[in-house]
Protein backbone atom coordinates (compact mmCIF):
# COMPACT_ATOMS: atom_id res chain seq x y z
CA MET A 1 -21.57 -35.55 -23.17
CA ASP A 2 -25.04 -36.20 -24.49
CA PRO A 3 -25.48 -34.39 -27.85
CA LEU A 4 -28.99 -33.31 -26.85
CA LEU A 5 -27.66 -31.73 -23.67
CA LEU A 6 -24.85 -30.03 -25.57
CA ILE A 7 -27.30 -28.61 -28.10
CA SER A 8 -29.55 -27.37 -25.30
CA VAL A 9 -26.66 -25.63 -23.53
CA LEU A 10 -25.45 -24.02 -26.76
CA VAL A 11 -28.95 -22.82 -27.60
CA PHE A 12 -29.36 -21.40 -24.10
CA PHE A 13 -26.11 -19.46 -24.23
CA GLY A 14 -26.81 -18.38 -27.82
CA VAL A 15 -30.19 -16.94 -26.86
CA LEU A 16 -28.59 -15.31 -23.81
CA VAL A 17 -25.87 -13.63 -25.89
CA ILE A 18 -28.34 -12.50 -28.56
CA GLY A 19 -30.71 -11.11 -25.94
CA TRP A 20 -27.87 -9.28 -24.22
CA GLY A 21 -26.75 -7.83 -27.56
CA VAL A 22 -30.25 -6.63 -28.41
CA TRP A 23 -30.66 -5.10 -24.96
CA SER A 24 -27.28 -3.33 -25.21
CA TYR A 25 -28.12 -1.97 -28.65
CA THR A 26 -31.50 -0.74 -27.42
CA GLN A 27 -29.92 0.94 -24.40
CA SER A 28 -27.28 2.65 -26.53
CA ARG A 29 -29.89 3.91 -28.99
CA GLN A 30 -32.02 5.18 -26.11
CA LYS A 31 -29.06 7.08 -24.66
CA VAL A 32 -28.26 8.59 -28.06
CA ASN A 33 -31.86 9.73 -28.46
CA ASP A 34 -31.93 11.21 -24.96
CA TRP A 35 -28.73 13.16 -25.52
CA SER A 36 -29.94 14.41 -28.91
CA ILE A 37 -33.13 15.70 -27.26
CA ARG A 38 -31.12 17.42 -24.53
CA ALA A 39 -28.75 18.92 -27.11
CA LYS A 40 -31.73 20.53 -28.83
CA GLY A 41 -32.73 22.15 -25.54
CA GLN A 42 -35.85 20.05 -25.14
CA SER A 43 -36.94 18.02 -22.13
CA LEU A 44 -37.26 14.27 -22.11
CA SER A 45 -40.68 12.86 -22.77
CA HIS A 46 -42.84 11.59 -19.99
CA SER A 47 -42.65 8.03 -21.31
CA ALA A 48 -38.87 8.07 -21.22
CA LEU A 49 -38.88 9.33 -17.66
CA GLN A 50 -41.40 6.67 -16.69
CA LYS A 51 -39.29 3.98 -18.34
CA SER A 52 -36.24 5.20 -16.44
CA ASP A 53 -38.23 5.12 -13.20
CA ASN A 54 -39.33 1.54 -13.93
CA GLN A 55 -35.77 0.44 -14.61
CA SER A 56 -34.54 2.11 -11.43
CA SER A 57 -37.35 0.46 -9.45
CA LEU A 58 -36.38 -2.96 -10.79
CA LYS A 59 -32.77 -2.26 -9.90
CA ASP A 60 -33.78 -1.18 -6.40
CA GLN A 61 -35.80 -4.38 -5.94
CA GLY A 62 -32.81 -6.46 -6.97
CA MET A 63 -30.58 -4.54 -4.57
CA LYS A 64 -33.08 -5.05 -1.75
CA LEU A 65 -33.06 -8.80 -2.43
CA LEU A 66 -29.27 -8.87 -2.31
CA GLU A 67 -29.32 -6.82 0.91
CA ARG A 68 -31.65 -9.33 2.57
CA LEU A 69 -29.34 -12.18 1.58
CA GLY A 70 -26.32 -10.16 2.68
CA LYS A 71 -27.73 -9.57 6.16
CA VAL A 72 -28.01 -13.35 6.57
CA ASN A 73 -24.39 -13.78 5.47
CA LYS A 74 -22.97 -10.83 7.41
CA PRO A 75 -20.05 -11.96 9.60
CA LYS A 76 -20.31 -11.48 13.33
CA ASP A 77 -16.62 -10.64 13.69
CA GLN A 78 -16.20 -6.89 13.28
CA ALA A 79 -12.60 -7.28 12.16
CA VAL A 80 -13.68 -9.37 9.13
CA THR A 81 -16.27 -6.73 8.23
CA THR A 82 -13.67 -3.98 8.53
CA ARG A 83 -11.24 -5.81 6.25
CA LEU A 84 -13.96 -6.44 3.68
CA ARG A 85 -15.04 -2.80 3.77
CA ALA A 86 -11.42 -1.73 3.27
CA SER A 87 -11.06 -4.11 0.31
CA LEU A 88 -14.22 -2.73 -1.30
CA ALA A 89 -12.99 0.83 -0.73
CA THR A 90 -9.67 -0.07 -2.37
CA ALA A 91 -11.64 -1.43 -5.34
CA GLY A 92 -13.48 1.91 -5.58
CA TYR A 93 -16.80 0.98 -3.93
CA ARG A 94 -17.37 3.28 -0.97
CA ASN A 95 -21.15 3.12 -0.63
CA PRO A 96 -22.20 1.90 2.86
CA ARG A 97 -24.60 -0.60 1.23
CA THR A 98 -21.83 -2.17 -0.86
CA ILE A 99 -20.65 -4.63 1.77
CA VAL A 100 -24.15 -6.05 2.33
CA ILE A 101 -24.79 -6.25 -1.42
CA PHE A 102 -21.46 -8.00 -1.94
CA LEU A 103 -22.24 -10.59 0.74
CA GLY A 104 -25.72 -11.08 -0.72
CA THR A 105 -24.24 -11.59 -4.20
CA ARG A 106 -22.11 -14.43 -2.88
CA ILE A 107 -25.15 -16.28 -1.53
CA PHE A 108 -27.18 -15.50 -4.66
CA LEU A 109 -24.52 -16.89 -7.00
CA ALA A 110 -24.05 -19.98 -4.84
CA ILE A 111 -27.79 -20.72 -5.00
CA LEU A 112 -27.94 -19.91 -8.72
CA PHE A 113 -25.00 -22.17 -9.60
CA GLY A 114 -26.52 -24.93 -7.48
CA LEU A 115 -29.89 -24.66 -9.24
CA VAL A 116 -28.25 -24.66 -12.67
CA PHE A 117 -26.32 -27.79 -11.77
CA LEU A 118 -29.46 -29.46 -10.46
CA VAL A 119 -31.15 -28.78 -13.81
CA PHE A 120 -28.29 -29.88 -16.08
CA GLY A 121 -26.19 -31.95 -13.66
CA SER A 122 -28.14 -35.17 -14.09
CA GLU A 123 -27.24 -35.29 -17.78
CA VAL A 124 -23.64 -34.30 -17.14
CA MET A 125 -23.19 -36.95 -14.43
CA ASP A 126 -24.97 -39.64 -16.43
CA GLY A 127 -23.07 -42.92 -16.29
CA LYS A 128 -20.93 -41.92 -13.34
CA ASP A 129 -21.01 -42.90 -9.70
CA PRO A 130 -24.03 -41.24 -7.99
CA MET A 131 -21.81 -40.48 -4.99
CA TYR A 132 -20.03 -37.82 -7.06
CA PHE A 133 -23.23 -35.84 -7.63
CA PRO A 134 -23.45 -34.17 -4.17
CA ILE A 135 -19.68 -33.59 -4.17
CA VAL A 136 -19.80 -31.81 -7.52
CA LEU A 137 -22.92 -29.90 -6.41
CA ILE A 138 -21.13 -28.63 -3.33
CA GLY A 139 -18.08 -27.74 -5.43
CA VAL A 140 -20.20 -25.74 -7.88
CA MET A 141 -21.92 -23.86 -5.05
CA VAL A 142 -18.55 -23.13 -3.42
CA MET A 143 -17.30 -21.81 -6.75
CA GLY A 144 -20.31 -19.51 -6.98
CA TYR A 145 -19.80 -18.38 -3.38
CA TYR A 146 -16.11 -17.51 -3.75
CA GLY A 147 -16.39 -16.21 -7.31
CA PRO A 148 -17.16 -12.61 -6.19
CA GLN A 149 -14.08 -12.69 -3.97
CA LEU A 150 -11.90 -13.53 -6.97
CA TRP A 151 -13.62 -10.77 -8.93
CA LEU A 152 -12.94 -8.33 -6.09
CA SER A 153 -9.24 -9.24 -6.00
CA ASN A 154 -9.00 -8.79 -9.77
CA THR A 155 -10.78 -5.42 -9.57
CA ILE A 156 -8.42 -4.23 -6.83
CA ASN A 157 -5.35 -5.19 -8.86
CA LYS A 158 -6.64 -3.45 -11.99
CA ARG A 159 -7.52 -0.29 -10.07
CA LYS A 160 -4.10 -0.22 -8.40
CA GLU A 161 -2.50 -0.54 -11.81
CA ARG A 162 -4.54 2.41 -13.10
CA LEU A 163 -3.57 4.48 -10.05
CA VAL A 164 0.11 3.67 -10.49
CA ASN A 165 -0.01 4.60 -14.18
CA GLY A 166 -1.55 7.99 -13.46
CA PHE A 167 0.42 8.86 -10.33
CA PRO A 168 3.60 10.26 -12.00
CA ASP A 169 1.54 12.67 -14.11
CA ALA A 170 -0.41 13.81 -11.06
CA LEU A 171 2.82 14.29 -9.10
CA ASP A 172 4.38 16.41 -11.85
CA LEU A 173 1.23 18.53 -12.01
CA MET A 174 1.29 18.94 -8.24
CA VAL A 175 4.90 20.16 -8.43
CA VAL A 176 3.90 22.74 -11.04
CA CYS A 177 0.93 23.93 -8.95
CA VAL A 178 2.96 24.25 -5.73
CA GLU A 179 5.84 26.07 -7.43
CA ALA A 180 3.32 28.39 -9.11
CA GLY A 181 2.24 29.63 -5.66
CA LEU A 182 -0.72 27.44 -4.73
CA GLY A 183 -0.98 25.92 -1.28
CA LEU A 184 -0.95 22.17 -0.81
CA ASP A 185 -4.73 21.94 -0.30
CA GLN A 186 -5.45 24.05 -3.38
CA ALA A 187 -2.89 22.05 -5.37
CA ILE A 188 -4.57 18.78 -4.38
CA SER A 189 -7.95 20.14 -5.48
CA ARG A 190 -6.59 21.42 -8.80
CA VAL A 191 -4.72 18.19 -9.53
CA GLY A 192 -7.81 16.11 -8.74
CA HIS A 193 -9.94 18.01 -11.24
CA GLU A 194 -7.23 18.09 -13.91
CA VAL A 195 -6.24 14.40 -13.87
CA LYS A 196 -9.84 13.21 -13.63
CA GLN A 197 -10.17 13.31 -17.42
CA GLY A 198 -7.25 10.99 -18.09
CA HIS A 199 -7.12 9.05 -14.83
CA PRO A 200 -10.60 9.10 -13.24
CA ASP A 201 -9.71 6.78 -10.34
CA LEU A 202 -6.80 8.92 -9.19
CA GLY A 203 -8.80 12.09 -9.74
CA ASP A 204 -11.62 10.77 -7.54
CA GLU A 205 -9.15 9.98 -4.77
CA PHE A 206 -7.66 13.49 -4.81
CA ILE A 207 -11.12 15.08 -4.96
CA LEU A 208 -12.25 12.98 -2.00
CA LEU A 209 -9.11 14.00 -0.11
CA ASN A 210 -9.90 17.64 -0.82
CA LEU A 211 -13.48 17.20 0.42
CA GLU A 212 -12.21 15.65 3.65
CA LEU A 213 -9.85 18.58 4.19
CA ARG A 214 -12.62 21.09 3.50
CA ALA A 215 -14.89 19.23 5.96
CA GLY A 216 -12.43 19.97 8.77
CA LEU A 217 -10.32 16.80 8.85
CA SER A 218 -6.67 17.37 9.61
CA ARG A 219 -4.26 17.18 6.71
CA GLU A 220 -2.31 14.32 8.28
CA GLN A 221 -5.43 12.21 8.87
CA GLY A 222 -6.76 12.95 5.36
CA LEU A 223 -3.49 11.85 3.80
CA ARG A 224 -3.48 8.68 5.88
CA ASN A 225 -7.02 7.96 4.75
CA LEU A 226 -5.78 8.29 1.17
CA VAL A 227 -3.15 5.65 1.87
CA ASN A 228 -5.72 3.33 3.43
CA ARG A 229 -8.05 3.68 0.43
CA THR A 230 -5.38 3.08 -2.23
CA ASP A 231 -2.94 0.72 -0.45
CA LEU A 232 -0.07 1.71 -2.76
CA ASP A 233 3.58 2.07 -1.80
CA ASP A 234 4.08 5.06 -4.11
CA ILE A 235 1.27 7.04 -2.50
CA ARG A 236 2.38 5.87 0.95
CA SER A 237 5.87 7.30 0.40
CA LEU A 238 4.40 10.57 -0.93
CA VAL A 239 2.10 10.87 2.09
CA ALA A 240 5.01 10.24 4.46
CA LEU A 241 6.98 12.94 2.66
CA LEU A 242 4.12 15.46 2.86
CA ILE A 243 3.51 14.74 6.55
CA GLN A 244 7.20 15.21 7.42
CA THR A 245 7.36 18.40 5.33
CA ASP A 246 4.28 19.74 7.10
CA ARG A 247 5.68 18.93 10.52
CA PHE A 248 9.17 20.38 10.00
CA GLY A 249 8.13 23.35 7.85
CA THR A 250 10.44 22.64 4.94
CA SER A 251 9.77 23.62 1.33
CA ILE A 252 6.95 21.53 -0.11
CA GLY A 253 7.88 22.37 -3.71
CA GLN A 254 11.49 21.23 -3.30
CA ALA A 255 10.42 18.05 -1.53
CA LEU A 256 7.87 17.26 -4.23
CA ARG A 257 10.42 17.88 -6.99
CA VAL A 258 12.95 15.52 -5.39
CA HIS A 259 10.25 12.89 -4.93
CA SER A 260 9.09 13.38 -8.52
CA ASP A 261 12.62 12.83 -9.81
CA SER A 262 12.96 9.66 -7.76
CA MET A 263 9.59 8.42 -9.01
CA ARG A 264 10.61 9.10 -12.61
CA LEU A 265 13.87 7.23 -12.07
CA LYS A 266 12.03 4.33 -10.46
CA ARG A 267 9.59 4.17 -13.38
CA ARG A 268 12.45 4.16 -15.91
CA LEU A 269 14.27 1.39 -14.02
CA LYS A 270 11.07 -0.65 -13.92
CA ALA A 271 10.66 -0.23 -17.69
CA GLU A 272 14.27 -1.31 -18.24
CA GLU A 273 13.69 -4.32 -15.99
CA ARG A 274 10.66 -5.38 -18.00
CA GLY A 275 12.62 -4.91 -21.21
CA ALA A 276 15.44 -7.10 -19.89
CA GLN A 277 12.95 -9.83 -18.99
CA LEU A 278 11.49 -9.90 -22.49
CA PRO A 279 14.09 -12.23 -24.13
CA VAL A 280 13.70 -14.77 -21.33
CA LYS A 281 9.89 -14.70 -21.62
CA LEU A 282 10.10 -15.15 -25.39
CA MET A 283 12.14 -18.35 -25.13
CA ILE A 284 9.17 -20.65 -24.39
CA PRO A 285 6.94 -19.47 -27.30
CA LEU A 286 9.97 -19.49 -29.61
CA ILE A 287 10.90 -23.05 -28.70
CA LEU A 288 7.35 -24.41 -28.71
CA PHE A 289 5.76 -22.60 -31.64
CA ILE A 290 8.21 -20.72 -33.88
CA PHE A 291 11.26 -22.98 -34.05
CA PRO A 292 9.26 -26.12 -35.05
CA ALA A 293 7.56 -24.19 -37.85
CA LEU A 294 10.93 -22.85 -39.05
CA MET A 295 12.43 -26.33 -38.98
CA VAL A 296 9.56 -27.68 -41.06
CA VAL A 297 9.88 -24.85 -43.58
CA ILE A 298 13.69 -25.10 -43.84
CA ILE A 299 14.27 -28.85 -43.59
CA GLY A 300 10.93 -30.04 -45.01
CA PRO A 301 11.66 -29.50 -48.74
CA GLY A 302 15.10 -31.09 -48.43
CA ALA A 303 13.71 -34.10 -46.57
CA ILE A 304 10.97 -34.58 -49.18
CA SER A 305 13.55 -34.34 -51.99
CA LEU A 306 15.78 -36.92 -50.30
CA MET A 307 12.84 -39.27 -49.83
CA ARG A 308 11.84 -38.95 -53.48
CA ASN A 309 15.32 -39.40 -54.95
CA LEU A 310 17.30 -41.41 -52.45
CA MET A 311 14.71 -43.98 -51.33
CA PRO A 312 14.03 -45.39 -54.82
CA ALA A 313 17.76 -45.66 -55.47
CA MET A 314 18.30 -47.50 -52.19
CA GLY A 315 15.37 -49.76 -52.92
CA GLY A 316 16.74 -50.55 -56.41
């Protein structure tokens, strides 16, 4: 690569990182000042409110731009739109505008990556066949277009992991609430507010379920909506258990306790499985990185001593 181009790229990213750091520090200081003013019982100044309004207006303008691009990219097949909306809901984005903004972000990043390559691509492709330039340009734009999809998949996996980690605690708390005399709806509401501090994603799901039940939705449909939003086998089995218990009139507390015990056993078996896999996973780093270093440390001094003492004797 051309050294001038490399220096230009490094300077660009350096300025970008420094600017982002300064902006983050300024934002954090502004938030600290705002909270200190509120803690004293005073109101925020007019300039601070105006600055907040300006920032929100800039954000709204950016969102409007992404919405215009998203309307161009919106699929005509309703099934594709439904699947994308379900994926965004599983990732925790339930705003009706989210799907249009997501589609607009894909087009925006594709255009941005293409423009960046057009600016720096001539230096990068210098000395190579000119036929590769449009191919690489298309590849870069495709990468920018499908990058948000990869980000969405990663976000869904991380959120599912957070939900799975908090689900046993929420289930134990639900057992305690039901056995203490609360109904299932009241137990769901109480669990949602209690686990929100430690597991905000799971707490939001239970609170949303409680709001749906209070709005008049049937308990069975609300529980099924919870399964559709989370797409987790653990919650699916719990919902099936609650629906069957509600239909047949059996004890909810006993059913929840049995399910909690099975969940705890399943979690312990999964931990034991991961522990049993650990020696096998450690074999590759041991062979590649640790054993060669140990061999050098153990055999190295002896080999050097043999070379110093034995080689001159053999040569003489």
